[in-house]
């Protein structure tokens, strides 16, 4: 028995020393409790000035009171809402700032505990208020529970202030709605138990939707958790018509898309949320804290310019990426009564898995008739010189070969604007096998085929060929004579 008692005592100490969730009364009735996403019970040892504790009232000192109109710095010490394990039950009470005890009472039993928990309003994100209650009323929806009891307070008249105002002292206690018609139990100033059939109950009102605005995505801290190459489709694009033209092929592909904005801090999971970026761009609504997972099917159309009777093989590739992108934004909470409260900045990480960098990869263009590749050059032209009846024949080549361009939908870099050149470069990056369009211009590289003095070159071409032929013939005759 002693061992069992020791184990139970140790378990209770662990509960008191750990942060635990807060439960509130559900709107669905039957006494059902739901977990608050914002409020939390924290051990008294974790208290710090940065914590926002729920205040139930102020002690009466020097003619001031919790409910007076005096500034807070002229009022007495705040009394924080606390709870302690009392006779096997969590019971609510009050803890004056600076004291080291939580005073609680229930059904004639009073206790003062050094180990207790305080009620925290995390990030001041919860909308809480004290609602009036009498034994003729039902416990209000959203009432904050200690376990099977509820946090309540009872105001006691303490006389008049110096300026004639009523002085009220709020005793924080426990509402036991199961005791007959219900009663509030609290500890008086003299340390004895007090009971009341009226008072106020602490209630949390939950928002009905969130609005996340001015979202700033931190691209510099983006992390690619996964990047996998995928083949989305393969096909042969043909031009079986009698004239050249732009041919197209539509690729249909499917993939799993996921999106998750994170849970955030002190936010309700599943609440409808609108999202807007810093530049006012409206994104799709989400159910907060719940990942979006859906199978998506898209169609990607690939186009290429082909001559008649030609074809090309194309492969559509993409990358399936899982990216983690930090962000920050302004969160607004909307309530059923039209109130918008708790504008605050939140930061989290946006997770998105999707297909990116989708692009076609072309093979060489070939003829449909014999599967041979479409040439990009022509053989060099030759001429036959005049000869004598002698048996020796002299063959002279006139000019070196030049590359001949094939028609395409691209722009010529030498005959286009800056925008057209950029378009041509981008098109070339996507389609390295496209055929170039015909243009009556040739690049001037200053070589043997330089465009400089082109007219003079045309006029001298005939005599120069004749002179070379005559010189060769004369050399041959001279050799035979000698």
Protein backbone atom coordinates (compact mmCIF):
# COMPACT_ATOMS: atom_id res chain seq x y z
CA UNK A 1 0.00 0.00 0.00
CA UNK A 2 2.82 2.38 0.85
CA UNK A 3 4.46 1.61 -2.51
CA UNK A 4 1.18 2.27 -4.33
CA UNK A 5 0.71 5.56 -2.51
CA UNK A 6 4.27 6.57 -3.37
CA UNK A 7 3.71 5.79 -7.05
CA UNK A 8 0.48 7.79 -7.13
CA UNK A 9 2.18 10.68 -5.40
CA UNK A 10 5.04 10.62 -7.91
CA UNK A 11 2.59 10.55 -10.82
CA UNK A 12 0.74 13.57 -9.45
CA UNK A 13 4.01 15.47 -9.03
CA UNK A 14 4.90 14.75 -12.65
CA UNK A 15 1.52 16.08 -13.77
CA UNK A 16 1.93 19.24 -11.74
CA UNK A 17 5.46 19.78 -13.07
CA UNK A 18 4.57 19.43 -16.76
CA UNK A 19 2.76 21.72 -19.16
CA UNK A 20 -0.66 20.31 -20.02
CA UNK A 21 -3.47 21.20 -22.38
CA UNK A 22 -6.52 23.19 -21.40
CA UNK A 23 -10.01 21.86 -22.11
CA UNK A 24 -13.11 23.95 -22.74
CA UNK A 25 -16.80 23.07 -22.92
CA UNK A 26 -17.86 22.09 -26.43
CA UNK A 27 -20.80 23.69 -28.22
CA UNK A 28 -22.12 20.22 -29.05
CA UNK A 29 -23.47 19.72 -25.53
CA UNK A 30 -23.61 16.63 -23.32
CA UNK A 31 -20.79 18.07 -21.23
CA UNK A 32 -18.24 17.21 -23.91
CA UNK A 33 -14.85 18.90 -23.55
CA UNK A 34 -12.51 19.87 -26.37
CA UNK A 35 -8.87 20.89 -26.27
CA UNK A 36 -7.98 24.56 -26.49
CA UNK A 37 -5.31 25.30 -29.09
CA UNK A 38 -4.14 28.46 -27.31
CA UNK A 39 -4.54 28.25 -23.53
CA UNK A 40 -2.13 26.11 -21.50
CA UNK A 41 -1.56 25.08 -17.90
CA UNK A 42 2.12 25.67 -17.06
CA UNK A 43 4.03 24.70 -13.90
CA UNK A 44 4.62 27.60 -11.52
CA UNK A 45 8.37 26.98 -11.90
CA UNK A 46 8.15 27.95 -15.59
CA UNK A 47 6.68 31.37 -14.91
CA UNK A 48 8.55 34.36 -16.36
CA UNK A 49 7.75 37.97 -17.14
CA UNK A 50 7.41 37.05 -20.82
CA UNK A 51 4.46 34.75 -20.06
CA UNK A 52 0.95 36.14 -20.36
CA UNK A 53 -0.93 34.73 -17.38
CA UNK A 54 -4.71 34.95 -17.06
CA UNK A 55 -5.64 37.45 -14.33
CA UNK A 56 -8.81 36.86 -12.34
CA UNK A 57 -8.73 40.11 -10.38
CA UNK A 58 -6.67 42.39 -8.13
CA UNK A 59 -6.43 42.45 -4.39
CA UNK A 60 -7.91 45.43 -2.58
CA UNK A 61 -5.24 47.74 -1.12
CA UNK A 62 -5.25 51.43 -0.20
CA UNK A 63 -8.74 52.10 -1.45
CA UNK A 64 -8.31 50.51 -4.90
CA UNK A 65 -9.83 47.35 -6.32
CA UNK A 66 -9.71 45.01 -9.26
CA UNK A 67 -12.86 46.33 -10.87
CA UNK A 68 -12.25 50.03 -10.20
CA UNK A 69 -11.41 52.54 -12.92
CA UNK A 70 -7.99 53.23 -11.45
CA UNK A 71 -4.94 52.59 -13.65
CA UNK A 72 -3.44 49.14 -13.13
CA UNK A 73 -0.28 50.55 -11.54
CA UNK A 74 -2.46 52.05 -8.79
CA UNK A 75 -4.35 48.81 -8.16
CA UNK A 76 -3.30 45.98 -5.88
CA UNK A 77 -1.36 42.90 -6.86
CA UNK A 78 -2.87 40.83 -9.68
CA UNK A 79 -4.40 37.51 -8.73
CA UNK A 80 -3.57 34.83 -11.29
CA UNK A 81 -5.77 31.85 -12.13
CA UNK A 82 -4.15 28.66 -10.85
CA UNK A 83 -5.08 25.05 -10.20
CA UNK A 84 -3.77 22.42 -7.80
CA UNK A 85 -4.34 18.74 -7.22
CA UNK A 86 -6.72 18.69 -4.23
CA UNK A 87 -8.10 15.41 -2.88
CA UNK A 88 -7.46 13.70 -6.22
CA UNK A 89 -9.07 16.43 -8.36
CA UNK A 90 -7.77 19.48 -10.19
CA UNK A 91 -9.35 22.46 -8.40
CA UNK A 92 -9.09 26.11 -9.47
CA UNK A 93 -8.05 28.91 -7.18
CA UNK A 94 -6.07 32.14 -6.97
CA UNK A 95 -2.39 32.96 -6.61
CA UNK A 96 -1.41 36.52 -5.70
CA UNK A 97 1.62 37.85 -7.52
CA UNK A 98 4.67 37.31 -5.35
CA UNK A 99 3.10 34.59 -3.23
CA UNK A 100 4.22 30.99 -3.50
CA UNK A 101 0.90 29.27 -2.85
CA UNK A 102 -2.25 28.44 -4.79
CA UNK A 103 -5.28 28.54 -2.51
CA UNK A 104 -8.16 26.24 -3.44
CA UNK A 105 -11.32 24.88 -1.88
CA UNK A 106 -14.00 22.32 -2.68
CA UNK A 107 -16.98 21.06 -0.66
CA UNK A 108 -15.70 22.13 2.73
CA UNK A 109 -12.04 21.26 2.21
CA UNK A 110 -9.50 24.09 1.89
CA UNK A 111 -5.92 23.65 0.68
CA UNK A 112 -2.85 25.82 0.07
CA UNK A 113 -0.31 24.24 -2.27
CA UNK A 114 3.28 25.07 -3.20
CA UNK A 115 3.14 22.90 -6.31
CA UNK A 116 0.52 24.16 -8.75
CA UNK A 117 -0.07 25.27 -12.32
CA UNK A 118 -0.83 28.69 -13.79
CA UNK A 119 -3.14 29.44 -16.73
CA UNK A 120 -1.27 30.99 -19.68
CA UNK A 121 -2.79 32.82 -22.65
CA UNK A 122 -0.12 31.89 -25.20
CA UNK A 123 0.95 34.90 -27.30
CA UNK A 124 -2.20 36.68 -26.05
CA UNK A 125 -3.92 34.85 -28.89
CA UNK A 126 -7.03 33.65 -27.01
CA UNK A 127 -10.16 35.77 -26.72
CA UNK A 128 -11.25 35.20 -23.11
CA UNK A 129 -13.79 36.91 -20.88
CA UNK A 130 -15.73 36.36 -17.66
CA UNK A 131 -19.41 35.58 -18.31
CA UNK A 132 -22.10 35.98 -15.67
CA UNK A 133 -23.52 32.81 -14.18
CA UNK A 134 -26.19 31.83 -11.68
CA UNK A 135 -27.41 28.43 -10.55
CA UNK A 136 -30.36 28.87 -12.92
CA UNK A 137 -28.00 29.10 -15.91
CA UNK A 138 -26.29 26.30 -17.72
CA UNK A 139 -22.52 26.36 -17.89
CA UNK A 140 -21.68 28.55 -20.92
CA UNK A 141 -20.09 27.14 -24.06
CA UNK A 142 -16.33 27.63 -24.02
CA UNK A 143 -16.07 27.49 -20.21
CA UNK A 144 -12.48 26.72 -19.18
CA UNK A 145 -12.25 23.43 -17.28
CA UNK A 146 -9.81 22.34 -14.60
CA UNK A 147 -10.68 18.71 -15.26
CA UNK A 148 -14.32 17.95 -14.45
CA UNK A 149 -14.86 21.37 -12.82
CA UNK A 150 -14.68 24.89 -14.26
CA UNK A 151 -12.75 28.09 -13.49
CA UNK A 152 -15.02 30.69 -11.87
CA UNK A 153 -14.91 33.74 -9.62
CA UNK A 154 -17.21 35.44 -7.13
CA UNK A 155 -17.18 39.19 -6.41
CA UNK A 156 -17.52 40.37 -2.80
CA UNK A 157 -18.35 43.98 -1.90
CA UNK A 158 -15.52 45.50 0.13
CA UNK A 159 -16.95 48.98 0.81
CA UNK A 160 -16.35 52.30 -0.94
CA UNK A 161 -13.21 53.87 -2.35
CA UNK A 162 -12.08 57.42 -1.59
CA UNK A 163 -13.94 58.71 -4.65
CA UNK A 164 -17.11 56.81 -3.75
CA UNK A 165 -16.73 53.81 -6.06
CA UNK A 166 -17.74 50.35 -4.94
CA UNK A 167 -14.78 48.16 -4.07
CA UNK A 168 -15.15 44.60 -5.31
CA UNK A 169 -12.79 41.76 -4.59
CA UNK A 170 -12.94 38.81 -6.97
CA UNK A 171 -12.26 35.48 -5.32
CA UNK A 172 -11.12 32.91 -7.88
CA UNK A 173 -12.55 29.46 -7.31
CA UNK A 174 -14.17 26.41 -8.81
CA UNK A 175 -17.62 25.92 -10.32
CA UNK A 176 -19.02 22.50 -9.52
CA UNK A 177 -21.98 22.21 -11.88
CA UNK A 178 -22.71 18.69 -10.63
CA UNK A 179 -23.46 19.84 -7.08
CA UNK A 180 -27.27 20.17 -7.06
CA UNK A 181 -27.90 23.21 -9.30
CA UNK A 182 -24.27 24.22 -9.13
CA UNK A 183 -22.10 26.26 -6.76
CA UNK A 184 -18.86 28.26 -6.76
CA UNK A 185 -16.30 27.35 -4.07
CA UNK A 186 -13.50 29.76 -3.13
CA UNK A 187 -11.15 30.65 -0.27
CA UNK A 188 -11.88 33.78 1.75
CA UNK A 189 -9.26 36.22 3.03
CA UNK A 190 -9.36 34.56 6.45
CA UNK A 191 -8.55 31.16 4.89
CA UNK A 192 -12.02 29.65 5.26
CA UNK A 193 -14.23 28.33 2.48
CA UNK A 194 -16.86 30.47 0.81
CA UNK A 195 -19.68 29.35 -1.48
CA UNK A 196 -21.92 31.26 -3.88
CA UNK A 197 -24.76 30.48 -6.26
CA UNK A 198 -23.79 33.31 -8.63
CA UNK A 199 -20.63 34.74 -10.10
CA UNK A 200 -18.70 34.58 -13.37
CA UNK A 201 -17.22 31.74 -15.40
CA UNK A 202 -14.04 32.06 -17.48
CA UNK A 203 -14.91 31.48 -21.16
CA UNK A 204 -12.75 31.19 -24.27
CA UNK A 205 -14.37 32.21 -27.57
CA UNK A 206 -12.82 30.50 -30.56
CA UNK A 207 -12.48 32.22 -33.97
CA UNK A 208 -14.39 30.96 -36.99
CA UNK A 209 -11.65 31.72 -39.55
CA UNK A 210 -8.13 33.07 -39.99
CA UNK A 211 -6.79 35.65 -42.39
CA UNK A 212 -3.07 35.41 -43.17
CA UNK A 213 -1.88 38.56 -44.96
CA UNK A 214 1.40 40.11 -46.13
CA UNK A 215 3.06 36.70 -46.40
CA UNK A 216 6.76 37.06 -47.17
CA UNK A 217 8.50 33.98 -48.56
CA UNK A 218 12.19 33.73 -47.68
CA UNK A 219 13.59 32.34 -50.94
CA UNK A 220 17.18 32.65 -49.71
CA UNK A 221 16.54 30.01 -47.05
CA UNK A 222 14.67 27.63 -49.34
CA UNK A 223 15.69 23.99 -48.93
CA UNK A 224 15.10 21.23 -51.51
CA UNK A 225 14.50 18.10 -49.48
CA UNK A 226 14.04 16.06 -52.67
CA UNK A 227 14.54 16.52 -56.42
CA UNK A 228 13.81 13.52 -58.67
CA UNK A 229 13.85 13.50 -62.46
CA UNK A 230 10.78 11.95 -64.07
CA UNK A 231 9.90 11.05 -67.66
CA UNK A 232 6.37 12.33 -68.18
CA UNK A 233 5.87 11.03 -71.71
CA UNK A 234 7.45 10.05 -75.04
CA UNK A 235 6.08 10.50 -78.55
CA UNK A 236 6.95 10.97 -82.22
CA UNK A 237 5.81 14.21 -83.83
CA UNK A 238 5.28 13.84 -87.60
CA UNK A 239 4.50 16.13 -90.51
CA UNK A 240 2.74 13.92 -93.04
CA UNK A 241 1.27 16.88 -94.90
CA UNK A 242 2.54 18.30 -98.19
CA UNK A 243 3.70 21.62 -96.76
CA UNK A 244 5.84 22.67 -93.79
CA UNK A 245 4.15 23.75 -90.60
CA UNK A 246 4.03 23.80 -86.81
CA UNK A 247 3.29 20.34 -85.42
CA UNK A 248 2.10 19.69 -81.83
CA UNK A 249 1.75 16.83 -79.36
CA UNK A 250 -0.20 16.94 -76.06
CA UNK A 251 1.25 15.03 -73.09
CA UNK A 252 -1.00 14.10 -70.17
CA UNK A 253 0.65 13.26 -66.85
CA UNK A 254 -0.34 12.80 -63.18
CA UNK A 255 1.46 13.37 -59.88
CA UNK A 256 0.82 13.75 -56.14
CA UNK A 257 0.68 17.38 -55.03
CA UNK A 258 1.10 18.25 -51.34
CA UNK A 259 1.04 21.59 -49.53
CA UNK A 260 1.42 22.31 -45.82
CA UNK A 261 1.74 25.74 -44.21
CA UNK A 262 2.70 24.31 -40.80
CA UNK A 263 0.78 24.36 -37.53
CA UNK A 264 1.96 27.75 -36.31
CA UNK A 265 1.85 28.75 -32.67
CA UNK A 266 -1.34 29.11 -30.66
CA UNK A 267 -3.58 28.43 -33.67
CA UNK A 268 -6.63 26.21 -34.10
CA UNK A 269 -6.16 23.24 -36.39
CA UNK A 270 -8.62 22.83 -39.27
CA UNK A 271 -9.85 26.44 -39.31
CA UNK A 272 -10.54 27.92 -42.76
CA UNK A 273 -7.73 30.33 -43.64
CA UNK A 274 -7.30 32.84 -46.47
CA UNK A 275 -3.72 33.50 -47.61
CA UNK A 276 -2.37 36.60 -49.39
CA UNK A 277 1.23 37.40 -50.30
CA UNK A 278 3.05 40.65 -49.62
CA UNK A 279 2.22 41.85 -53.17
CA UNK A 280 -1.53 41.27 -52.53
CA UNK A 281 -1.62 38.05 -54.59
CA UNK A 282 -4.41 35.84 -53.25
CA UNK A 283 -3.55 32.17 -52.88
CA UNK A 284 -5.92 29.24 -52.44
CA UNK A 285 -7.67 28.93 -49.08
CA UNK A 286 -6.48 26.18 -46.74
CA UNK A 287 -7.72 24.36 -43.65
CA UNK A 288 -5.08 25.48 -41.19
CA UNK A 289 -2.66 22.85 -39.94
CA UNK A 290 -3.97 20.13 -42.29
CA UNK A 291 -1.74 19.08 -45.24
CA UNK A 292 -3.29 19.21 -48.70
CA UNK A 293 -2.77 15.97 -50.63
CA UNK A 294 -4.31 15.53 -54.05
CA UNK A 295 -3.62 13.67 -57.28
CA UNK A 296 -3.31 16.21 -60.07
CA UNK A 297 -3.50 15.64 -63.83
CA UNK A 298 -2.09 18.23 -66.24
CA UNK A 299 -1.60 18.50 -70.00
CA UNK A 300 1.59 19.91 -71.54
CA UNK A 301 1.64 20.72 -75.28
CA UNK A 302 4.90 20.53 -77.24
CA UNK A 303 5.23 22.29 -80.62
CA UNK A 304 7.93 22.12 -83.32
CA UNK A 305 8.26 23.34 -86.92
CA UNK A 306 8.72 20.44 -89.37
CA UNK A 307 9.23 20.16 -93.12
CA UNK A 308 6.86 17.83 -94.99
CA UNK A 309 7.74 14.15 -94.71
CA UNK A 310 9.85 14.57 -91.58
CA UNK A 311 9.47 13.56 -87.94
CA UNK A 312 11.18 13.91 -84.58
CA UNK A 313 11.14 11.93 -81.33
CA UNK A 314 10.44 13.95 -78.19
CA UNK A 315 10.65 13.12 -74.48
CA UNK A 316 8.90 15.29 -71.88
CA UNK A 317 10.88 15.48 -68.63
CA UNK A 318 10.24 17.14 -65.28
CA UNK A 319 11.50 17.19 -61.71
CA UNK A 320 9.44 16.15 -58.70
CA UNK A 321 10.62 18.42 -55.89
CA UNK A 322 9.86 18.65 -52.19
CA UNK A 323 10.72 22.18 -51.04
CA UNK A 324 10.78 23.75 -47.57
CA UNK A 325 10.33 27.52 -47.63
CA UNK A 326 10.36 29.70 -44.48
CA UNK A 327 7.80 32.50 -44.36
CA UNK A 328 6.30 35.16 -42.11
CA UNK A 329 2.96 36.97 -42.19
CA UNK A 330 0.27 38.86 -40.30
CA UNK A 331 -2.47 36.71 -38.74
CA UNK A 332 -5.98 38.04 -38.06
CA UNK A 333 -8.66 36.09 -36.17
CA UNK A 334 -12.33 36.52 -37.16
CA UNK A 335 -15.17 35.71 -34.74
CA UNK A 336 -18.84 34.88 -35.16
CA UNK A 337 -19.95 38.24 -33.76
CA UNK A 338 -17.99 40.09 -36.47
CA UNK A 339 -15.06 41.03 -34.27
CA UNK A 340 -11.53 40.74 -35.69
CA UNK A 341 -8.84 40.48 -33.01
CA UNK A 342 -5.34 39.30 -32.23
CA UNK A 343 -3.38 40.69 -35.17
CA UNK A 344 0.06 39.21 -34.71
CA UNK A 345 3.09 38.09 -36.70
CA UNK A 346 3.64 34.37 -37.20
CA UNK A 347 6.56 32.50 -38.75
CA UNK A 348 6.70 28.92 -39.99
CA UNK A 349 7.87 26.74 -42.87
CA UNK A 350 5.82 26.07 -46.01
CA UNK A 351 6.20 22.55 -47.42
CA UNK A 352 5.28 21.92 -51.07
CA UNK A 353 5.82 18.84 -53.24
CA UNK A 354 5.10 19.36 -56.94
CA UNK A 355 6.45 18.98 -60.49
CA UNK A 356 8.79 21.71 -61.71
CA UNK A 357 11.09 22.48 -64.67
CA UNK A 358 8.93 20.63 -67.19
CA UNK A 359 10.58 20.77 -70.63
CA UNK A 360 10.73 18.71 -73.86
CA UNK A 361 13.88 16.98 -75.12
CA UNK A 362 14.05 16.52 -78.91
CA UNK A 363 15.97 13.96 -80.92
CA UNK A 364 17.34 14.60 -84.44
CA UNK A 365 14.82 15.27 -87.20
CA UNK A 366 14.59 12.46 -89.79
CA UNK A 367 12.77 11.58 -93.02
CA UNK A 368 9.70 9.38 -92.72
CA UNK A 369 10.45 7.57 -95.99
CA UNK A 370 13.81 6.01 -95.10
CA UNK A 371 14.45 7.08 -91.49
CA UNK A 372 17.60 8.94 -92.57
CA UNK A 373 18.51 12.13 -90.76
CA UNK A 374 17.61 15.45 -92.32
CA UNK A 375 20.95 16.94 -93.50
CA UNK A 376 22.05 20.32 -92.30
CA UNK A 377 24.80 20.80 -95.03
CA UNK A 378 25.00 20.32 -98.86
CA UNK A 379 27.91 18.73 -100.83
CA UNK A 380 30.45 21.16 -102.40
CA UNK A 381 29.80 22.09 -106.08
CA UNK A 382 32.55 21.29 -108.66
CA UNK A 383 33.37 22.42 -112.26
CA UNK A 384 35.07 20.58 -115.14
CA UNK A 385 37.80 22.70 -116.89
CA UNK A 386 38.49 22.60 -120.65
CA UNK A 387 41.22 20.15 -121.68
CA UNK A 388 43.41 19.27 -124.68
CA UNK A 389 43.30 15.91 -126.49
CA UNK A 390 46.09 14.79 -124.22
CA UNK A 391 45.38 11.97 -121.76
CA UNK A 392 45.96 14.13 -118.67
CA UNK A 393 42.78 15.71 -117.18
CA UNK A 394 42.86 18.58 -114.69
CA UNK A 395 39.90 18.91 -112.19
CA UNK A 396 39.58 22.25 -110.39
CA UNK A 397 37.38 23.01 -107.43
CA UNK A 398 35.96 26.49 -107.54
CA UNK A 399 34.78 27.42 -104.00
CA UNK A 400 34.64 25.76 -100.58
CA UNK A 401 31.23 24.60 -99.33
CA UNK A 402 28.92 26.81 -97.24
CA UNK A 403 26.26 25.74 -94.70
CA UNK A 404 22.71 26.15 -95.93
CA UNK A 405 20.04 27.03 -93.36
CA UNK A 406 16.70 25.20 -93.17
CA UNK A 407 13.42 27.05 -92.47
CA UNK A 408 12.12 27.27 -88.91
CA UNK A 409 10.12 29.59 -86.71
CA UNK A 410 13.19 31.13 -85.13
CA UNK A 411 14.48 34.64 -85.62
CA UNK A 412 17.89 35.38 -87.21
CA UNK A 413 20.18 36.85 -84.53
CA UNK A 414 21.78 39.23 -87.07
CA UNK A 415 18.46 40.61 -88.28
CA UNK A 416 16.36 41.05 -85.13
CA UNK A 417 15.71 43.32 -82.19
CA UNK A 418 17.08 42.71 -78.70
CA UNK A 419 13.76 41.18 -77.65
CA UNK A 420 13.79 38.86 -80.66
CA UNK A 421 17.37 37.82 -79.91
CA UNK A 422 16.38 36.97 -76.33
CA UNK A 423 13.41 34.97 -77.65
CA UNK A 424 15.74 33.13 -80.03
CA UNK A 425 18.16 32.29 -77.23
CA UNK A 426 15.36 30.98 -75.02
CA UNK A 427 13.93 28.94 -77.90
CA UNK A 428 17.34 27.49 -78.63
CA UNK A 429 17.71 26.46 -75.01
CA UNK A 430 14.41 24.58 -75.17
CA UNK A 431 14.86 23.10 -78.63
CA UNK A 432 18.44 22.56 -79.72
CA UNK A 433 17.38 20.55 -82.78
CA UNK A 434 15.05 23.07 -84.39
CA UNK A 435 15.83 23.96 -88.00
CA UNK A 436 16.94 27.54 -88.59
CA UNK A 437 14.91 29.80 -90.87
CA UNK A 438 16.16 30.99 -94.25
CA UNK A 439 17.37 34.56 -94.40
CA UNK A 440 19.30 36.24 -97.20
CA UNK A 441 22.20 37.16 -94.92
CA UNK A 442 25.47 35.50 -94.04
CA UNK A 443 27.71 36.24 -91.08
CA UNK A 444 30.81 38.27 -92.00
CA UNK A 445 33.76 36.63 -90.29
CA UNK A 446 36.43 38.34 -92.37
CA UNK A 447 37.54 35.01 -93.91
CA UNK A 448 37.67 33.85 -97.51
CA UNK A 449 33.90 34.27 -97.79
CA UNK A 450 33.84 37.71 -96.21
CA UNK A 451 31.04 39.98 -97.40
CA UNK A 452 33.53 42.81 -97.77
CA UNK A 453 34.05 43.73 -101.46
CA UNK A 454 31.49 41.09 -102.39
CA UNK A 455 30.54 42.79 -105.68
CA UNK A 456 34.16 42.91 -106.80
CA UNK A 457 34.54 39.24 -106.03
CA UNK A 458 31.56 38.37 -108.23
CA UNK A 459 32.90 40.33 -111.21
CA UNK A 460 36.40 38.83 -110.98
CA UNK A 461 35.36 35.23 -110.52
CA UNK A 462 35.08 34.38 -114.26
CA UNK A 463 38.42 35.80 -115.54
CA UNK A 464 40.28 34.39 -112.56
CA UNK A 465 39.05 30.85 -113.35
CA UNK A 466 39.98 31.22 -117.04
CA UNK A 467 43.45 32.52 -116.17
CA UNK A 468 44.10 29.57 -113.89
CA UNK A 469 43.02 27.12 -116.60
CA UNK A 470 45.21 28.78 -119.25
CA UNK A 471 48.25 28.82 -116.96
CA UNK A 472 47.87 25.14 -116.21
CA UNK A 473 47.48 24.26 -119.91
CA UNK A 474 50.55 26.28 -120.83
CA UNK A 475 52.63 24.53 -118.19
CA UNK A 476 51.51 21.13 -119.49
CA UNK A 477 52.42 21.97 -123.12
CA UNK A 478 55.80 23.32 -122.10
CA UNK A 479 56.53 20.11 -120.21
CA UNK A 480 55.70 17.97 -123.25
CA UNK A 481 57.86 20.07 -125.60
CA UNK A 482 60.88 19.89 -123.35
